[in-house]
C-alpha atoms as a PDB file:
ATOM      1  CA  MET A   1     -10.420 -15.717 -10.804  1.00  0.00           C
ATOM      2  CA  MET A   2      -9.077 -12.210 -11.375  1.00  0.00           C
ATOM      3  CA  GLU A   3     -11.598  -9.424 -11.131  1.00  0.00           C
ATOM      4  CA  ASP A   4     -11.918  -6.870 -13.916  1.00  0.00           C
ATOM      5  CA  GLU A   5      -9.530  -3.956 -13.946  1.00  0.00           C
ATOM      6  CA  PRO A   6     -11.098  -0.891 -12.292  1.00  0.00           C
ATOM      7  CA  LYS A   7     -12.201   1.922 -14.590  1.00  0.00           C
ATOM      8  CA  ARG A   8      -9.517   4.492 -15.331  1.00  0.00           C
ATOM      9  CA  PHE A   9      -6.863   2.386 -13.577  1.00  0.00           C
ATOM     10  CA  GLN A  10      -4.694   2.572 -16.718  1.00  0.00           C
ATOM     11  CA  ASN A  11      -4.562   6.366 -16.275  1.00  0.00           C
ATOM     12  CA  TYR A  12      -3.218   5.887 -12.760  1.00  0.00           C
ATOM     13  CA  LEU A  13      -0.690   3.317 -13.998  1.00  0.00           C
ATOM     14  CA  ARG A  14       0.669   5.840 -16.505  1.00  0.00           C
ATOM     15  CA  ARG A  15       0.947   8.513 -13.827  1.00  0.00           C
ATOM     16  CA  ALA A  16       2.561   6.066 -11.412  1.00  0.00           C
ATOM     17  CA  ASP A  17       5.090   4.985 -14.041  1.00  0.00           C
ATOM     18  CA  LEU A  18       6.368   8.558 -14.170  1.00  0.00           C
ATOM     19  CA  LEU A  19       6.162   9.051 -10.424  1.00  0.00           C
ATOM     20  CA  VAL A  20       8.406   6.113  -9.468  1.00  0.00           C
ATOM     21  CA  ASN A  21      11.306   7.906 -11.149  1.00  0.00           C
ATOM     22  CA  SER A  22      11.264  10.588  -8.440  1.00  0.00           C
ATOM     23  CA  ARG A  23      12.145   9.488  -4.924  1.00  0.00           C
ATOM     24  CA  GLU A  24      10.920  12.817  -3.545  1.00  0.00           C
ATOM     25  CA  ARG A  25       7.502  12.554  -5.199  1.00  0.00           C
ATOM     26  CA  LEU A  26       7.223   8.885  -4.222  1.00  0.00           C
ATOM     27  CA  ARG A  27       8.061   9.761  -0.608  1.00  0.00           C
ATOM     28  CA  ASP A  28       5.450  12.549  -0.703  1.00  0.00           C
ATOM     29  CA  LEU A  29       2.834  10.104  -2.008  1.00  0.00           C
ATOM     30  CA  ALA A  30       3.589   7.620   0.782  1.00  0.00           C
ATOM     31  CA  THR A  31       3.294  10.433   3.330  1.00  0.00           C
ATOM     32  CA  GLN A  32      -0.019  11.622   1.850  1.00  0.00           C
ATOM     33  CA  ALA A  33      -1.400   8.070   1.841  1.00  0.00           C
ATOM     34  CA  THR A  34      -0.353   7.576   5.479  1.00  0.00           C
ATOM     35  CA  GLY A  35      -2.026  10.850   6.461  1.00  0.00           C
ATOM     36  CA  LYS A  36      -5.254  10.087   4.629  1.00  0.00           C
ATOM     37  CA  LEU A  37      -5.363   6.574   6.048  1.00  0.00           C
ATOM     38  CA  SER A  38      -4.938   7.854   9.609  1.00  0.00           C
ATOM     39  CA  GLY A  39      -7.907  10.160   9.060  1.00  0.00           C
ATOM     40  CA  ILE A  40     -10.294   7.330   8.187  1.00  0.00           C
ATOM     41  CA  ALA A  41     -12.023   6.211  11.339  1.00  0.00           C
ATOM     42  CA  SER A  42     -14.221   3.332  10.155  1.00  0.00           C
ATOM     43  CA  ILE A  43     -13.470   0.089  11.947  1.00  0.00           C
ATOM     44  CA  ARG A  44     -14.926  -1.884   9.033  1.00  0.00           C
ATOM     45  CA  ILE A  45     -11.912  -1.218   6.839  1.00  0.00           C
ATOM     46  CA  ASP A  46      -9.270  -3.135   8.775  1.00  0.00           C
ATOM     47  CA  THR A  47      -8.409  -5.362   5.804  1.00  0.00           C
ATOM     48  CA  VAL A  48      -8.093  -2.405   3.447  1.00  0.00           C
ATOM     49  CA  ARG A  49      -6.142  -0.473   6.082  1.00  0.00           C
ATOM     50  CA  ASP A  50      -3.716  -3.405   6.402  1.00  0.00           C
ATOM     51  CA  GLN A  51      -3.399  -3.652   2.618  1.00  0.00           C
ATOM     52  CA  LEU A  52      -2.732   0.079   2.277  1.00  0.00           C
ATOM     53  CA  ASN A  53      -0.166  -0.014   5.081  1.00  0.00           C
ATOM     54  CA  LEU A  54       1.564  -2.901   3.317  1.00  0.00           C
ATOM     55  CA  CYS A  55       1.585  -0.958   0.032  1.00  0.00           C
ATOM     56  CA  ILE A  56       3.038   2.107   1.756  1.00  0.00           C
ATOM     57  CA  ALA A  57       5.692  -0.010   3.488  1.00  0.00           C
ATOM     58  CA  LEU A  58       6.629  -1.681   0.203  1.00  0.00           C
ATOM     59  CA  VAL A  59       7.034   1.633  -1.601  1.00  0.00           C
ATOM     60  CA  ARG A  60       9.139   3.053   1.240  1.00  0.00           C
ATOM     61  CA  SER A  61      11.337  -0.055   1.530  1.00  0.00           C
ATOM     62  CA  TRP A  62      11.847  -0.189  -2.235  1.00  0.00           C
ATOM     63  CA  MET A  63      12.555   3.531  -2.424  1.00  0.00           C
ATOM     64  CA  ARG A  64      15.208   3.300   0.325  1.00  0.00           C
ATOM     65  CA  GLY A  65      16.832   0.320  -1.395  1.00  0.00           C
ATOM     66  CA  GLU A  66      16.057  -2.011   1.513  1.00  0.00           C
ATOM     67  CA  TYR A  67      13.862  -4.342  -0.507  1.00  0.00           C
ATOM     68  CA  ASP A  68      14.390  -5.219  -4.151  1.00  0.00           C
ATOM     69  CA  GLY A  69      12.338  -8.397  -4.379  1.00  0.00           C
ATOM     70  CA  VAL A  70       9.750  -6.836  -6.701  1.00  0.00           C
ATOM     71  CA  SER A  71       9.730  -5.749 -10.295  1.00  0.00           C
ATOM     72  CA  ARG A  72       9.357  -2.149 -11.399  1.00  0.00           C
ATOM     73  CA  GLN A  73       5.921  -3.130 -12.755  1.00  0.00           C
ATOM     74  CA  THR A  74       4.873  -4.147  -9.257  1.00  0.00           C
ATOM     75  CA  ILE A  75       6.063  -0.848  -7.780  1.00  0.00           C
ATOM     76  CA  VAL A  76       4.178   1.000 -10.523  1.00  0.00           C
ATOM     77  CA  ALA A  77       0.962  -0.931  -9.795  1.00  0.00           C
ATOM     78  CA  VAL A  78       1.247  -0.380  -6.032  1.00  0.00           C
ATOM     79  CA  THR A  79       2.028   3.301  -6.619  1.00  0.00           C
ATOM     80  CA  ALA A  80      -1.022   3.551  -8.888  1.00  0.00           C
ATOM     81  CA  ALA A  81      -3.208   2.106  -6.106  1.00  0.00           C
ATOM     82  CA  LEU A  82      -1.788   4.647  -3.641  1.00  0.00           C
ATOM     83  CA  LEU A  83      -2.366   7.454  -6.139  1.00  0.00           C
ATOM     84  CA  TYR A  84      -5.956   6.342  -6.601  1.00  0.00           C
ATOM     85  CA  PHE A  85      -6.395   6.302  -2.829  1.00  0.00           C
ATOM     86  CA  VAL A  86      -4.867   9.755  -2.343  1.00  0.00           C
ATOM     87  CA  VAL A  87      -6.538  11.595  -5.242  1.00  0.00           C
ATOM     88  CA  PRO A  88      -9.859  12.948  -3.928  1.00  0.00           C
ATOM     89  CA  PHE A  89     -11.613  13.125  -7.314  1.00  0.00           C
ATOM     90  CA  ASP A  90     -11.475   9.622  -8.727  1.00  0.00           C
ATOM     91  CA  LEU A  91     -14.399   7.558  -9.986  1.00  0.00           C
ATOM     92  CA  ILE A  92     -16.410   8.229  -6.813  1.00  0.00           C
ATOM     93  CA  PRO A  93     -15.244  11.473  -5.142  1.00  0.00           C
ATOM     94  CA  ASP A  94     -14.074  11.119  -1.551  1.00  0.00           C
ATOM     95  CA  PHE A  95     -16.414  13.828  -0.292  1.00  0.00           C
ATOM     96  CA  LEU A  96     -19.358  11.446  -0.851  1.00  0.00           C
ATOM     97  CA  LEU A  97     -19.196  10.149   2.698  1.00  0.00           C
ATOM     98  CA  GLY A  98     -18.739   6.415   2.861  1.00  0.00           C
ATOM     99  CA  TRP A  99     -19.030   5.857  -0.883  1.00  0.00           C
ATOM    100  CA  GLY A 100     -15.860   7.708  -1.812  1.00  0.00           C
ATOM    101  CA  PHE A 101     -13.776   5.086  -0.075  1.00  0.00           C
ATOM    102  CA  VAL A 102     -15.539   2.140  -1.735  1.00  0.00           C
ATOM    103  CA  ASP A 103     -13.861   2.619  -5.113  1.00  0.00           C
ATOM    104  CA  ASP A 104     -10.499   3.268  -3.421  1.00  0.00           C
ATOM    105  CA  ALA A 105     -10.877  -0.028  -1.553  1.00  0.00           C
ATOM    106  CA  SER A 106     -11.808  -1.871  -4.743  1.00  0.00           C
ATOM    107  CA  VAL A 107      -8.679  -0.590  -6.521  1.00  0.00           C
ATOM    108  CA  VAL A 108      -6.458  -1.559  -3.594  1.00  0.00           C
ATOM    109  CA  GLY A 109      -8.124  -4.985  -3.475  1.00  0.00           C
ATOM    110  CA  TYR A 110      -7.619  -5.425  -7.205  1.00  0.00           C
ATOM    111  CA  VAL A 111      -3.904  -4.619  -6.971  1.00  0.00           C
ATOM    112  CA  MET A 112      -3.454  -6.842  -3.919  1.00  0.00           C
ATOM    113  CA  ALA A 113      -5.154  -9.758  -5.714  1.00  0.00           C
ATOM    114  CA  MET A 114      -3.116  -9.156  -8.864  1.00  0.00           C
ATOM    115  CA  LEU A 115       0.153  -9.081  -6.886  1.00  0.00           C
ATOM    116  CA  ALA A 116      -0.752 -11.539  -4.122  1.00  0.00           C
ATOM    117  CA  ALA A 117       2.418 -13.646  -4.319  1.00  0.00           C
ATOM    118  CA  GLU A 118       4.749 -10.632  -4.398  1.00  0.00           C
ATOM    119  CA  MET A 119       2.894  -8.882  -1.577  1.00  0.00           C
ATOM    120  CA  ASP A 120       2.992 -12.046   0.547  1.00  0.00           C
ATOM    121  CA  ALA A 121       6.735 -12.342  -0.097  1.00  0.00           C
ATOM    122  CA  PHE A 122       7.210  -8.720   0.957  1.00  0.00           C
ATOM    123  CA  ARG A 123       5.110  -9.251   4.100  1.00  0.00           C
ATOM    124  CA  GLN A 124       7.311 -12.239   5.038  1.00  0.00           C
ATOM    125  CA  TRP A 125      10.471 -10.238   4.339  1.00  0.00           C
ATOM    126  CA  GLN A 126       9.117  -7.390   6.461  1.00  0.00           C
ATOM    127  CA  GLU A 127       8.403  -9.739   9.390  1.00  0.00           C
ATOM    128  CA  GLN A 128      11.891 -11.233   9.123  1.00  0.00           C
ATOM    129  CA  ASP A 129      13.402  -7.750   8.919  1.00  0.00           C
ATOM    130  CA  VAL A 130      11.638  -6.753  12.139  1.00  0.00           C
ATOM    131  CA  LYS A 131      12.989  -9.898  13.832  1.00  0.00           C
ATOM    132  CA  ARG A 132      16.522  -9.175  12.537  1.00  0.00           C
ATOM    133  CA  ARG A 133      16.379  -5.643  13.925  1.00  0.00           C
ATOM    134  CA  ASP A 134      14.854  -6.703  17.273  1.00  0.00           C
ATOM    135  CA  PRO A 135      15.316 -10.366  18.227  1.00  0.00           C
ATOM    136  CA  THR A 136      12.870  -9.991  21.148  1.00  0.00           C
ATOM    137  CA  VAL A 137      10.011  -9.694  18.627  1.00  0.00           C
ATOM    138  CA  THR A 138       8.018 -12.880  18.151  1.00  0.00           C
ATOM    139  CA  ALA A 139       4.743 -13.215  16.306  1.00  0.00           C
ATOM    140  CA  GLY A 140       4.402  -9.454  16.080  1.00  0.00           C
ATOM    141  CA  THR A 141       4.810  -8.737  19.790  1.00  0.00           C
ATOM    142  CA  LYS A 142       7.730  -8.274  22.157  1.00  0.00           C
ATOM    143  CA  LYS A 143       8.442 -10.991  24.693  1.00  0.00           C
ATOM    144  CA  GLN A 144       7.518 -10.105  28.244  1.00  0.00           C
ATOM    145  CA  GLU A 145      10.627  -9.505  30.297  1.00  0.00           C
ATOM    146  CA  LEU A 146      10.742 -11.079  33.732  1.00  0.00           C
ATOM    147  CA  VAL A 147      11.384  -8.616  36.530  1.00  0.00           C
END
């Protein structure tokens, strides 16, 4: 069952729709999201961290023309989730320690649930791409070389 759309998410979708037309602004957003994510120390957010990293990777791969297996609507929704994450004054401001990240996580979770099949397809493509670039990679790790 799909959860309800987060409050004000439509506003972020409209902003994201405009943003995906600018590679420079999209690149800046991905960089901001990466920086903010690296500054969050909580170990309890591993799932959200993984989801955000996947969203960032999708936007970057799409922007560079490496991956085109998603619709523009999907890129807009993922961009909206990243915008929501990056903007400090959303429904619950980020300066409210601990709570500010809760609404960000719920928006990311909503988008990931909404786009589960497309995000899984991108994750598989990404894993295959890593293997194509470096055949020594198996199951996410490099094979041990015998000395």
